[in-house]
Amino acid sequence: MGKVYLIGAGPGDPELLTVKAARVLASADIILHDALVTPEILELRSPKARLIDVGKRCGQKLLTQDEINAYLVHAAPLSDVVVRLKGGDPLIFGRAGEEIEALRNAGVDFEIVPGITSALAAAAAARVSLTDRRFASQVLFTTAHRKGGAMAPDWSRAITADTTVVVYMPGAAYAKLARALVESGLDPQTPCVVVSCAARPSQQILWTEIACLENLCSVGAPALLIVGRVARSEAESITADVWKQLHHTAVQDEQQIVGSGKEIKHEHREERHQPATFQVFSRHLGRRDRAGRRAAGAGRRAEADPVVIRKTYLRESRRRNG
């Protein structure tokens, strides 16, 4: 009696495959793989391995799930190593539950080798953290459709303003998703990011918000939707961090003036917080290339023009107030 391995192939990049998954693939006699498993991953198999494509093409399944279950049970006594290879992680929307049940009922020995699920690959590609103690205290993994093509159930009890929502397999139902998210209590201006073909050469990243999802054109599969305050674009994140730093520095300056017995006029405080000052700083950062911004760090940000402008305002205010 052989052994069946349910293996997660990850998002498609062979460098993101686990060491154990690569080792088992190299020793497999039979490999049943999904359509999302990339050729680069399949090249890691043993030359003697028999490849069986059980994926779905244009909505048509080559084998039904029951047929796949039966084949796994049938192949185990005939081979030493049988691999069921799935994209992402087999335990996240991979129908592994049905295959596990079939193997258990037949008394077949099996093992699960986890992989990097597409939610993590997409978040890494977009450079957003699915959890953030400032914005998101929980993550909801869900799918746009359920068995039989029905839309996902009501999310209102699961979603809050502090929830990062990750929607697997959104398909083309972005307008319905937008309505469902708003009906669940999320603000229409909540940021979103759609990642197509994460960790692959054809990867695409689209930044938007819930209100604009209905205008989103078809995105190449496989795609994944991340919704929540963590899903800000890199430019928005830089902007928010810079503004926060400027505001914090301005408050410190005012505290120093008050502590020294000096007064500062209200109109000058407002002037320091004018958007024009902030836009100067944004343009200053925008002239740098992306690698330069990362290398510069917080220390270089202190050299930006608005900081100098703010100090000038303070000096003028002190002179006018004696």
Protein backbone atom coordinates (compact mmCIF):
# COMPACT_ATOMS: atom_id res chain seq x y z
CA MET A 1 0.00 0.00 0.00
CA GLY A 2 1.42 3.33 -1.05
CA LYS A 3 0.91 6.77 0.44
CA VAL A 4 -0.99 9.77 -0.90
CA TYR A 5 0.40 13.29 -0.43
CA LEU A 6 -1.83 16.32 -0.67
CA ILE A 7 0.68 19.01 -1.61
CA GLY A 8 0.33 22.77 -1.88
CA ALA A 9 2.19 24.05 -4.91
CA GLY A 10 2.05 27.67 -3.72
CA PRO A 11 1.28 30.62 -6.03
CA GLY A 12 3.33 29.30 -8.95
CA ASP A 13 6.89 30.47 -8.36
CA PRO A 14 9.02 27.31 -7.87
CA GLU A 15 11.23 29.20 -5.41
CA LEU A 16 8.20 29.51 -3.11
CA LEU A 17 7.65 25.75 -3.03
CA THR A 18 8.56 24.11 0.28
CA VAL A 19 11.64 21.89 0.44
CA LYS A 20 9.50 18.91 1.48
CA ALA A 21 7.08 19.41 -1.41
CA ALA A 22 9.98 19.46 -3.90
CA ARG A 23 11.43 16.30 -2.36
CA VAL A 24 8.14 14.38 -2.55
CA LEU A 25 7.52 15.54 -6.12
CA ALA A 26 10.92 14.18 -7.13
CA SER A 27 9.97 10.73 -5.82
CA ALA A 28 6.32 10.59 -6.99
CA ASP A 29 5.01 7.81 -9.23
CA ILE A 30 1.68 9.50 -10.04
CA ILE A 31 0.86 13.21 -9.88
CA LEU A 32 -2.70 14.51 -10.19
CA HIS A 33 -2.39 18.28 -10.65
CA ASP A 34 -4.73 21.25 -10.94
CA ALA A 35 -4.73 23.69 -13.85
CA LEU A 36 -3.16 26.45 -11.74
CA VAL A 37 0.02 24.47 -11.12
CA THR A 38 2.70 26.04 -13.31
CA PRO A 39 4.95 24.14 -15.73
CA GLU A 40 7.97 25.25 -13.70
CA ILE A 41 6.61 23.36 -10.69
CA LEU A 42 5.84 20.25 -12.74
CA GLU A 43 9.40 20.21 -14.05
CA LEU A 44 10.54 19.26 -10.54
CA ARG A 45 8.89 15.84 -10.85
CA SER A 46 10.68 12.55 -11.38
CA PRO A 47 11.09 11.57 -15.06
CA LYS A 48 9.22 8.34 -14.31
CA ALA A 49 6.19 10.11 -12.80
CA ARG A 50 2.87 9.88 -14.59
CA LEU A 51 1.19 13.27 -14.93
CA ILE A 52 -2.60 13.48 -14.83
CA ASP A 53 -4.23 16.88 -15.41
CA VAL A 54 -7.45 17.08 -13.39
CA GLY A 55 -7.87 20.85 -13.68
CA LYS A 56 -10.78 22.91 -14.95
CA ARG A 57 -10.61 24.55 -18.39
CA CYS A 58 -13.10 27.25 -19.45
CA GLY A 59 -15.54 26.09 -16.80
CA GLN A 60 -15.30 22.43 -17.90
CA LYS A 61 -13.83 19.86 -15.52
CA LEU A 62 -11.69 17.06 -16.92
CA LEU A 63 -12.68 14.92 -13.93
CA THR A 64 -15.36 15.47 -11.32
CA GLN A 65 -14.36 15.68 -7.68
CA ASP A 66 -15.83 12.23 -7.02
CA GLU A 67 -13.76 10.79 -9.85
CA ILE A 68 -10.61 12.39 -8.44
CA ASN A 69 -11.37 10.92 -5.00
CA ALA A 70 -11.89 7.46 -6.51
CA TYR A 71 -8.66 7.66 -8.50
CA LEU A 72 -6.62 8.56 -5.41
CA VAL A 73 -8.04 5.59 -3.54
CA HIS A 74 -7.45 3.28 -6.51
CA ALA A 75 -3.89 4.46 -7.19
CA ALA A 76 -2.59 4.15 -3.62
CA PRO A 77 -2.22 0.30 -3.62
CA LEU A 78 -0.56 0.40 -7.05
CA SER A 79 2.13 3.04 -6.38
CA ASP A 80 4.53 3.95 -3.60
CA VAL A 81 3.98 7.72 -3.80
CA VAL A 82 0.83 9.35 -5.17
CA VAL A 83 0.71 13.17 -5.20
CA ARG A 84 -2.37 15.32 -5.37
CA LEU A 85 -0.85 18.67 -6.35
CA LYS A 86 -2.92 21.81 -5.77
CA GLY A 87 -2.24 25.49 -6.33
CA GLY A 88 -1.71 27.56 -3.18
CA ASP A 89 -2.44 25.59 -0.02
CA PRO A 90 -4.61 22.45 -0.22
CA LEU A 91 -6.51 23.36 2.96
CA ILE A 92 -7.64 26.82 1.77
CA PHE A 93 -10.48 26.51 -0.77
CA GLY A 94 -8.71 23.50 -2.30
CA ARG A 95 -11.44 20.87 -1.75
CA ALA A 96 -8.97 18.92 0.35
CA GLY A 97 -11.72 18.11 2.86
CA GLU A 98 -13.55 15.87 0.39
CA GLU A 99 -10.35 14.06 -0.60
CA ILE A 100 -9.33 13.59 3.04
CA GLU A 101 -12.69 12.05 3.83
CA ALA A 102 -12.46 9.64 0.87
CA LEU A 103 -8.94 8.52 1.83
CA ARG A 104 -9.91 8.03 5.47
CA ASN A 105 -12.97 5.99 4.59
CA ALA A 106 -10.85 3.76 2.34
CA GLY A 107 -8.13 3.31 4.97
CA VAL A 108 -5.47 4.92 2.73
CA ASP A 109 -2.43 6.45 4.40
CA PHE A 110 -2.02 10.11 3.50
CA GLU A 111 -0.08 13.21 4.47
CA ILE A 112 -0.67 16.93 3.90
CA VAL A 113 2.21 19.16 2.80
CA PRO A 114 1.10 22.80 3.16
CA GLY A 115 1.93 25.52 0.65
CA ILE A 116 1.86 29.31 0.47
CA THR A 117 -1.76 30.28 -0.06
CA SER A 118 -2.54 32.93 -2.67
CA ALA A 119 -3.71 35.40 0.01
CA LEU A 120 -0.19 35.59 1.41
CA ALA A 121 1.40 35.70 -2.03
CA ALA A 122 -0.91 38.52 -3.14
CA ALA A 123 -0.34 40.52 0.05
CA ALA A 124 3.42 40.13 -0.35
CA ALA A 125 3.23 41.23 -3.99
CA ALA A 126 1.22 44.33 -3.02
CA ARG A 127 3.49 44.90 0.01
CA VAL A 128 0.61 45.17 2.48
CA SER A 129 0.27 43.47 5.84
CA LEU A 130 -3.00 41.58 6.23
CA THR A 131 -2.91 42.38 9.94
CA ASP A 132 -1.83 45.67 11.46
CA ARG A 133 -2.39 46.64 15.08
CA ARG A 134 -3.34 50.16 13.91
CA PHE A 135 -5.91 49.13 11.30
CA ALA A 136 -6.77 45.42 11.24
CA SER A 137 -7.18 43.05 14.17
CA GLN A 138 -8.66 40.17 12.17
CA VAL A 139 -8.60 38.62 8.70
CA LEU A 140 -11.51 36.98 6.89
CA PHE A 141 -10.70 34.46 4.16
CA THR A 142 -13.78 34.02 1.98
CA THR A 143 -14.81 33.24 -1.58
CA ALA A 144 -17.15 34.99 -3.96
CA HIS A 145 -19.06 31.82 -4.78
CA ARG A 146 -20.17 28.68 -3.03
CA LYS A 147 -21.17 25.22 -4.25
CA GLY A 148 -23.73 25.42 -7.03
CA GLY A 149 -22.69 28.95 -8.07
CA ALA A 150 -24.50 30.74 -5.21
CA MET A 151 -22.99 33.96 -3.87
CA ALA A 152 -21.19 33.87 -0.54
CA PRO A 153 -23.36 34.16 2.60
CA ASP A 154 -24.06 37.36 4.50
CA TRP A 155 -20.81 38.79 5.84
CA SER A 156 -22.36 41.42 8.11
CA ARG A 157 -21.67 39.45 11.30
CA ALA A 158 -18.06 38.71 10.36
CA ILE A 159 -16.87 42.05 8.92
CA THR A 160 -16.03 45.17 10.92
CA ALA A 161 -14.03 48.30 10.16
CA ASP A 162 -10.99 46.49 11.65
CA THR A 163 -11.32 43.46 9.35
CA THR A 164 -9.14 42.70 6.35
CA VAL A 165 -11.31 40.82 3.87
CA VAL A 166 -9.57 38.48 1.44
CA VAL A 167 -11.81 37.23 -1.36
CA TYR A 168 -10.58 34.19 -3.27
CA MET A 169 -11.78 33.58 -6.84
CA PRO A 170 -13.70 36.86 -7.29
CA GLY A 171 -14.27 36.00 -10.95
CA ALA A 172 -16.08 38.82 -12.75
CA ALA A 173 -18.59 39.51 -9.95
CA TYR A 174 -16.93 42.70 -8.69
CA ALA A 175 -20.15 44.74 -8.78
CA LYS A 176 -21.97 42.15 -6.65
CA LEU A 177 -19.00 41.96 -4.31
CA ALA A 178 -18.99 45.74 -3.91
CA ARG A 179 -22.67 45.76 -2.97
CA ALA A 180 -22.22 42.86 -0.55
CA LEU A 181 -19.28 44.57 1.16
CA VAL A 182 -21.17 47.86 1.57
CA GLU A 183 -24.26 46.02 2.84
CA SER A 184 -21.99 44.35 5.39
CA GLY A 185 -21.17 47.76 6.84
CA LEU A 186 -17.94 48.78 5.10
CA ASP A 187 -17.44 52.34 3.89
CA PRO A 188 -17.59 52.62 0.06
CA GLN A 189 -14.24 54.45 0.21
CA THR A 190 -12.53 51.50 1.88
CA PRO A 191 -9.29 50.76 -0.02
CA CYS A 192 -9.01 47.61 -2.14
CA VAL A 193 -6.27 45.90 -4.08
CA VAL A 194 -6.76 43.25 -6.75
CA VAL A 195 -3.76 41.02 -7.43
CA SER A 196 -3.74 38.89 -10.56
CA CYS A 197 -1.29 36.00 -11.04
CA ALA A 198 0.58 36.73 -7.80
CA ALA A 199 4.28 35.75 -7.79
CA ARG A 200 4.24 35.00 -11.53
CA PRO A 201 5.83 36.88 -14.43
CA SER A 202 2.36 38.02 -15.56
CA GLN A 203 1.51 39.49 -12.14
CA GLN A 204 -0.71 42.61 -12.09
CA ILE A 205 -1.72 44.80 -9.15
CA LEU A 206 -4.71 47.17 -9.31
CA TRP A 207 -5.44 49.69 -6.52
CA THR A 208 -8.98 50.98 -6.05
CA GLU A 209 -11.78 51.29 -3.48
CA ILE A 210 -15.07 49.49 -2.92
CA ALA A 211 -17.12 52.17 -4.70
CA CYS A 212 -15.08 51.69 -7.88
CA LEU A 213 -15.09 47.90 -7.97
CA GLU A 214 -18.20 47.82 -10.15
CA ASN A 215 -16.25 49.64 -12.88
CA LEU A 216 -13.39 47.15 -12.78
CA CYS A 217 -12.84 45.35 -16.05
CA SER A 218 -12.11 41.65 -16.20
CA VAL A 219 -8.86 40.75 -14.45
CA GLY A 220 -6.75 37.80 -15.46
CA ALA A 221 -7.15 34.64 -13.39
CA PRO A 222 -6.10 33.60 -10.87
CA ALA A 223 -7.00 36.80 -9.06
CA LEU A 224 -7.53 37.72 -5.43
CA LEU A 225 -9.21 40.75 -3.82
CA ILE A 226 -7.95 42.31 -0.57
CA VAL A 227 -10.28 44.82 1.12
CA GLY A 228 -9.54 46.91 4.20
CA ARG A 229 -7.61 49.84 5.56
CA VAL A 230 -4.37 47.90 5.16
CA ALA A 231 -4.95 47.81 1.38
CA ARG A 232 -3.56 51.28 0.74
CA SER A 233 -1.32 51.78 -2.25
CA GLU A 234 2.35 52.39 -1.63
CA ALA A 235 1.97 56.05 -2.60
CA GLU A 236 -0.90 56.48 -0.14
CA SER A 237 1.10 54.78 2.59
CA ILE A 238 4.07 57.08 2.05
CA THR A 239 1.76 60.09 2.00
CA ALA A 240 0.02 59.10 5.24
CA ASP A 241 3.30 58.37 7.02
CA VAL A 242 4.82 61.67 5.94
CA TRP A 243 1.78 63.68 7.02
CA LYS A 244 1.78 61.93 10.39
CA GLN A 245 5.46 62.75 10.85
CA LEU A 246 4.93 66.40 9.93
CA HIS A 247 1.97 66.71 12.26
CA HIS A 248 3.87 65.10 15.13
CA THR A 249 6.83 67.44 14.63
CA ALA A 250 4.52 70.48 14.48
CA VAL A 251 2.89 69.52 17.78
CA GLN A 252 6.30 69.16 19.41
CA ASP A 253 7.33 72.60 18.14
CA GLU A 254 4.17 74.19 19.56
CA GLN A 255 4.73 72.51 22.91
CA GLN A 256 8.27 73.91 23.05
CA ILE A 257 7.00 77.41 22.30
CA VAL A 258 4.29 77.22 24.97
CA GLY A 259 6.81 75.90 27.48
CA SER A 260 9.13 78.85 26.82
CA GLY A 261 6.34 81.37 27.43
CA LYS A 262 6.05 82.35 23.78
CA GLU A 263 2.75 82.61 21.97
CA ILE A 264 2.06 81.55 18.43
CA LYS A 265 -0.76 83.07 16.44
CA HIS A 266 -3.58 80.84 15.24
CA GLU A 267 -3.17 81.82 11.62
CA HIS A 268 0.43 80.65 11.60
CA ARG A 269 -0.51 77.25 13.07
CA GLU A 270 -3.02 76.82 10.28
CA GLU A 271 -0.47 77.89 7.70
CA ARG A 272 1.93 75.18 8.82
CA HIS A 273 -0.74 72.54 8.20
CA GLN A 274 -1.81 73.81 4.79
CA PRO A 275 -2.00 71.09 2.10
CA ALA A 276 0.38 73.11 -0.09
CA THR A 277 3.20 72.48 2.39
CA PHE A 278 2.44 68.77 2.32
CA GLN A 279 2.31 68.72 -1.47
CA VAL A 280 5.81 70.14 -1.63
CA PHE A 281 6.99 67.23 0.46
CA SER A 282 5.10 64.73 -1.71
CA ARG A 283 6.71 66.11 -4.85
CA HIS A 284 10.09 66.00 -3.17
CA LEU A 285 9.65 62.30 -2.51
CA GLY A 286 8.14 61.72 -5.95
CA ARG A 287 11.30 62.89 -7.68
CA ARG A 288 13.22 60.02 -6.11
CA ASP A 289 13.13 56.61 -7.67
CA ARG A 290 11.48 53.84 -5.64
CA ALA A 291 14.76 52.24 -4.57
CA GLY A 292 16.07 55.63 -3.47
CA ARG A 293 13.01 56.22 -1.30
CA ARG A 294 13.46 52.94 0.49
CA ALA A 295 17.17 53.56 1.04
CA ALA A 296 16.71 57.10 2.23
CA GLY A 297 14.66 56.20 5.29
CA ALA A 298 13.27 58.46 7.94
CA GLY A 299 16.55 60.30 8.42
CA ARG A 300 16.52 61.68 4.88
CA ARG A 301 12.87 62.73 5.18
CA ALA A 302 13.88 65.27 7.80
CA GLU A 303 15.78 67.14 5.06
CA ALA A 304 12.65 67.89 3.04
CA ASP A 305 11.62 71.48 2.28
CA PRO A 306 8.42 71.62 4.42
CA VAL A 307 10.42 71.11 7.60
CA VAL A 308 12.51 74.15 6.74
CA ILE A 309 9.37 76.12 5.87
CA ARG A 310 7.79 75.24 9.19
CA LYS A 311 10.82 76.40 11.17
CA THR A 312 10.78 79.66 9.23
CA TYR A 313 7.14 80.23 10.21
CA LEU A 314 8.01 79.66 13.85
CA ARG A 315 10.88 82.14 13.79
CA GLU A 316 8.68 84.78 12.18
CA SER A 317 5.96 84.19 14.76
CA ARG A 318 8.37 84.62 17.63
CA ARG A 319 9.62 87.90 16.26
CA ARG A 320 6.12 89.25 15.80
CA ASN A 321 5.13 88.27 19.30
CA GLY A 322 8.16 89.75 20.96
